[in-house]
Amino acid sequence: MDIRKYTGYISEKTMMGPNSVRILAELLDRYPLRLGADARILDLGCGTGLTSLVAARETGARVYASDLWIPAEENRERFAQWGAGEQIVPVCGDAKELPFEEKQFDALISVDAYHYFAGSKGFFQEKLLPFMKDGGTILIGVPSLKDACAGRSDELLSDWLGEDAHMFKSPSQWKELIGSDDRFAAVETWEMDCFEEAWGDWLASDHKYAGSDRPYLETVIRPYTCLAGICIRLK
């Protein structure tokens, strides 16, 4: 995927962390979503909708852009400005209580959001799996702890993240939390290659939270964390 097509959409006004377009690009390059106009994608924790735009443009599918923090009307206006208002449906809601029908989606993507709500065993099976069609694909990119540091999030990250340090799991821990299910064909987790570029884009921005993260790059973020990729394929 050529992320240069989306450079004009990426700014301190639309970024909310490490460059979500780079993260999604790696996920889609590794596991392409071969969908069409009749397909439905859930973008869970979409933020300002950058990933929803990419998913819509790259696949041609209809995207449901769901976020708890960003009002649906705000995203609706943004999607209309981007010329994607007919293809992306904004939703404001809690990932723990999604307002969708069973087996509504062919694919699910979640970038820089999954750690906020899915840190308990069985969450995926109970809260997300019912909405997925058979044969579906789930692609997740999430800030994480390196496998070599597994189990030490509070010790290593609390200076940076405070009480939220516990949300960072290692790729192997995410795989364990997702667990197994009769509907799973495969579950894979890995440390993503786009870590340096995604974080570099974010820390080079003028966003106030990027400024708060910047002092921790060399002491905490680079030594102990990674971006974890997660792919779940359904039977």
Protein backbone atom coordinates (compact mmCIF):
# COMPACT_ATOMS: atom_id res chain seq x y z
CA MET A 1 0.00 0.00 0.00
CA ASP A 2 1.30 3.43 -0.94
CA ILE A 3 0.74 5.65 2.11
CA ARG A 4 1.75 8.72 0.10
CA LYS A 5 -1.84 8.78 -1.15
CA TYR A 6 -2.91 9.76 2.37
CA THR A 7 -0.21 12.29 3.29
CA GLY A 8 -2.63 15.19 2.92
CA TYR A 9 -4.97 13.71 5.52
CA ILE A 10 -2.31 13.13 8.20
CA SER A 11 -1.76 16.05 10.58
CA GLU A 12 -1.76 16.97 14.27
CA LYS A 13 -5.54 17.46 13.90
CA THR A 14 -6.17 13.87 12.78
CA MET A 15 -3.36 11.93 14.50
CA MET A 16 -3.97 10.59 18.00
CA GLY A 17 -0.77 8.58 18.47
CA PRO A 18 1.81 6.73 16.33
CA ASN A 19 0.87 7.17 12.68
CA SER A 20 -2.18 4.93 12.26
CA VAL A 21 -1.90 4.98 8.47
CA ARG A 22 1.56 3.38 8.60
CA ILE A 23 0.31 0.77 11.07
CA LEU A 24 -2.71 -0.11 8.96
CA ALA A 25 -0.58 -0.19 5.82
CA GLU A 26 1.63 -2.88 7.34
CA LEU A 27 -1.39 -4.91 8.40
CA LEU A 28 -2.97 -4.68 4.95
CA ASP A 29 0.30 -5.45 3.14
CA ARG A 30 0.75 -8.57 5.26
CA TYR A 31 -2.90 -9.64 5.15
CA PRO A 32 -4.71 -7.97 2.24
CA LEU A 33 -8.47 -7.63 2.63
CA ARG A 34 -9.89 -8.70 -0.72
CA LEU A 35 -13.36 -7.27 -0.37
CA GLY A 36 -15.88 -5.46 -2.53
CA ALA A 37 -18.62 -2.87 -2.29
CA ASP A 38 -21.02 -5.33 -0.65
CA ALA A 39 -18.61 -6.10 2.20
CA ARG A 40 -18.70 -4.48 5.62
CA ILE A 41 -15.71 -3.53 7.77
CA LEU A 42 -15.84 -2.47 11.41
CA ASP A 43 -13.12 0.04 12.34
CA LEU A 44 -13.08 -0.23 16.12
CA GLY A 45 -11.58 2.74 17.95
CA CYS A 46 -11.30 4.73 14.71
CA GLY A 47 -10.43 8.05 16.35
CA THR A 48 -10.70 10.81 13.76
CA GLY A 49 -11.29 8.25 11.04
CA LEU A 50 -7.95 8.13 9.23
CA THR A 51 -7.97 4.34 9.28
CA SER A 52 -11.59 4.27 8.17
CA LEU A 53 -10.72 6.35 5.13
CA VAL A 54 -7.80 4.09 4.25
CA ALA A 55 -9.89 0.94 4.69
CA ALA A 56 -12.66 2.35 2.52
CA ARG A 57 -10.34 3.51 -0.25
CA GLU A 58 -8.13 0.40 -0.27
CA THR A 59 -10.92 -2.20 -0.22
CA GLY A 60 -14.01 -0.50 -1.66
CA ALA A 61 -16.05 -1.88 1.26
CA ARG A 62 -18.49 0.03 3.43
CA VAL A 63 -16.80 0.97 6.71
CA TYR A 64 -18.46 1.47 10.08
CA ALA A 65 -16.21 3.87 11.99
CA SER A 66 -16.78 3.37 15.71
CA ASP A 67 -15.18 5.40 18.49
CA LEU A 68 -16.04 6.20 22.10
CA TRP A 69 -14.26 9.57 22.33
CA ILE A 70 -14.95 11.26 18.99
CA PRO A 71 -18.58 12.31 18.36
CA ALA A 72 -20.17 10.66 15.33
CA GLU A 73 -21.27 14.03 13.94
CA GLU A 74 -17.70 15.32 14.03
CA ASN A 75 -16.48 12.31 12.05
CA ARG A 76 -19.46 12.53 9.69
CA GLU A 77 -18.46 16.08 8.74
CA ARG A 78 -14.86 15.03 8.28
CA PHE A 79 -15.78 12.06 6.06
CA ALA A 80 -17.96 14.33 3.93
CA GLN A 81 -15.07 16.79 3.54
CA TRP A 82 -12.85 13.89 2.48
CA GLY A 83 -15.39 12.80 -0.14
CA ALA A 84 -16.12 9.52 1.65
CA GLY A 85 -19.39 10.37 3.37
CA GLU A 86 -21.39 7.82 1.39
CA GLN A 87 -18.99 4.96 2.14
CA ILE A 88 -18.20 5.44 5.85
CA VAL A 89 -20.80 5.25 8.62
CA PRO A 90 -19.73 7.05 11.83
CA VAL A 91 -20.74 5.50 15.16
CA CYS A 92 -20.09 6.77 18.69
CA GLY A 93 -20.14 3.88 21.13
CA ASP A 94 -18.41 1.68 23.66
CA ALA A 95 -16.48 -1.33 22.33
CA LYS A 96 -17.92 -3.34 25.23
CA GLU A 97 -21.51 -2.72 24.11
CA LEU A 98 -21.52 -2.50 20.33
CA PRO A 99 -24.87 -1.76 18.63
CA PHE A 100 -24.54 -4.13 15.69
CA GLU A 101 -26.23 -7.29 14.39
CA GLU A 102 -24.70 -10.73 14.64
CA LYS A 103 -22.41 -11.68 11.75
CA GLN A 104 -22.64 -8.20 10.24
CA PHE A 105 -18.97 -7.72 9.33
CA ASP A 106 -16.60 -9.35 6.87
CA ALA A 107 -13.56 -7.76 8.53
CA LEU A 108 -12.60 -5.84 11.63
CA ILE A 109 -9.68 -3.45 11.98
CA SER A 110 -8.47 -1.72 15.14
CA VAL A 111 -5.41 0.54 15.25
CA ASP A 112 -3.96 2.07 18.43
CA ALA A 113 -7.12 1.35 20.41
CA TYR A 114 -7.43 -2.33 21.34
CA HIS A 115 -5.40 -2.00 24.57
CA TYR A 116 -7.95 0.44 26.01
CA PHE A 117 -10.79 -2.06 26.16
CA ALA A 118 -9.63 -5.62 25.41
CA GLY A 119 -7.18 -6.47 28.16
CA SER A 120 -9.17 -9.33 29.68
CA LYS A 121 -9.28 -12.97 28.63
CA GLY A 122 -12.39 -13.87 26.67
CA PHE A 123 -13.16 -10.28 25.62
CA PHE A 124 -12.79 -11.00 21.93
CA GLN A 125 -15.01 -14.08 21.99
CA GLU A 126 -17.73 -12.40 24.04
CA LYS A 127 -17.78 -8.84 22.73
CA LEU A 128 -16.47 -8.94 19.14
CA LEU A 129 -16.64 -12.42 17.64
CA PRO A 130 -20.48 -12.50 17.47
CA PHE A 131 -20.45 -9.61 14.99
CA MET A 132 -18.06 -11.34 12.57
CA LYS A 133 -19.10 -13.38 9.55
CA ASP A 134 -17.65 -16.83 8.95
CA GLY A 135 -14.40 -16.58 7.02
CA GLY A 136 -13.79 -13.08 8.33
CA THR A 137 -10.46 -11.42 9.11
CA ILE A 138 -9.51 -9.31 12.12
CA LEU A 139 -6.47 -7.03 11.89
CA ILE A 140 -5.21 -5.21 14.98
CA GLY A 141 -2.22 -2.93 15.51
CA VAL A 142 -1.61 -1.92 19.11
CA PRO A 143 1.13 -0.27 21.20
CA SER A 144 2.62 -3.04 23.28
CA LEU A 145 5.42 -4.23 25.51
CA LYS A 146 8.27 -6.13 23.88
CA ASP A 147 8.10 -9.89 24.45
CA ALA A 148 11.43 -9.69 26.27
CA CYS A 149 9.78 -7.38 28.82
CA ALA A 150 6.53 -9.34 29.23
CA GLY A 151 4.96 -9.01 32.67
CA ARG A 152 6.95 -5.90 33.61
CA SER A 153 4.68 -3.14 32.28
CA ASP A 154 4.06 -1.46 35.65
CA GLU A 155 7.76 -1.51 36.49
CA LEU A 156 8.99 -0.24 33.12
CA LEU A 157 6.26 2.07 31.87
CA SER A 158 4.69 3.73 34.92
CA ASP A 159 6.88 6.85 34.71
CA TRP A 160 5.48 7.44 31.25
CA LEU A 161 1.94 6.03 31.48
CA GLY A 162 1.13 6.13 35.19
CA GLU A 163 -1.85 3.95 36.11
CA ASP A 164 -2.37 3.05 32.43
CA ALA A 165 0.90 1.10 32.24
CA HIS A 166 -0.94 -2.19 32.83
CA MET A 167 -2.71 -1.85 29.46
CA PHE A 168 0.51 -2.64 27.58
CA LYS A 169 0.83 -6.37 26.88
CA SER A 170 3.47 -8.13 24.83
CA PRO A 171 2.59 -9.78 21.48
CA SER A 172 2.70 -13.22 23.11
CA GLN A 173 0.47 -11.99 25.95
CA TRP A 174 -2.05 -10.63 23.45
CA LYS A 175 -2.15 -14.03 21.76
CA GLU A 176 -2.76 -15.69 25.11
CA LEU A 177 -5.52 -13.20 26.01
CA ILE A 178 -7.29 -13.79 22.69
CA GLY A 179 -7.10 -17.50 23.38
CA SER A 180 -8.91 -20.05 21.25
CA ASP A 181 -12.35 -20.68 19.83
CA ASP A 182 -13.96 -23.24 17.53
CA ARG A 183 -14.46 -20.46 14.97
CA PHE A 184 -10.76 -19.56 14.82
CA ALA A 185 -8.72 -20.78 11.86
CA ALA A 186 -5.53 -19.05 13.03
CA VAL A 187 -4.25 -16.39 15.43
CA GLU A 188 -0.90 -14.69 14.82
CA THR A 189 0.90 -11.93 16.72
CA TRP A 190 4.19 -10.23 15.88
CA GLU A 191 6.31 -7.14 16.51
CA MET A 192 5.54 -4.76 13.65
CA ASP A 193 8.24 -3.34 11.38
CA CYS A 194 6.72 0.17 11.22
CA PHE A 195 7.52 1.09 14.86
CA GLU A 196 10.23 3.69 14.14
CA GLU A 197 8.41 5.43 11.29
CA ALA A 198 5.00 5.44 12.99
CA TRP A 199 6.40 6.86 16.23
CA GLY A 200 8.65 9.26 14.32
CA ASP A 201 5.69 10.78 12.48
CA TRP A 202 3.81 11.25 15.74
CA LEU A 203 6.69 12.76 17.70
CA ALA A 204 7.49 15.14 14.85
CA SER A 205 3.95 16.55 14.94
CA ASP A 206 2.78 19.60 16.86
CA HIS A 207 0.14 17.68 18.81
CA LYS A 208 0.32 18.51 22.51
CA TYR A 209 0.30 14.84 23.51
CA ALA A 210 3.21 14.15 21.16
CA GLY A 211 5.09 16.74 23.16
CA SER A 212 4.29 14.83 26.33
CA ASP A 213 5.54 11.56 24.82
CA ARG A 214 8.73 12.98 23.31
CA PRO A 215 10.88 12.98 26.50
CA TYR A 216 10.25 9.24 26.97
CA LEU A 217 11.33 8.05 23.51
CA GLU A 218 14.87 7.05 24.43
CA THR A 219 14.31 6.10 28.07
CA VAL A 220 11.07 4.09 27.85
CA ILE A 221 9.33 3.88 24.47
CA ARG A 222 12.17 2.63 22.26
CA PRO A 223 13.85 0.31 24.82
CA TYR A 224 10.75 -1.43 26.14
CA THR A 225 7.82 -1.09 23.75
CA CYS A 226 6.81 -2.18 20.28
CA LEU A 227 3.80 -2.13 18.02
CA ALA A 228 2.11 -5.52 18.08
CA GLY A 229 0.34 -6.82 15.01
CA ILE A 230 -2.52 -9.27 15.53
CA CYS A 231 -4.31 -11.24 12.84
CA ILE A 232 -7.26 -13.51 13.57
CA ARG A 233 -8.68 -15.51 10.71
CA LEU A 234 -12.04 -17.21 11.06
CA LYS A 235 -13.26 -20.48 9.59
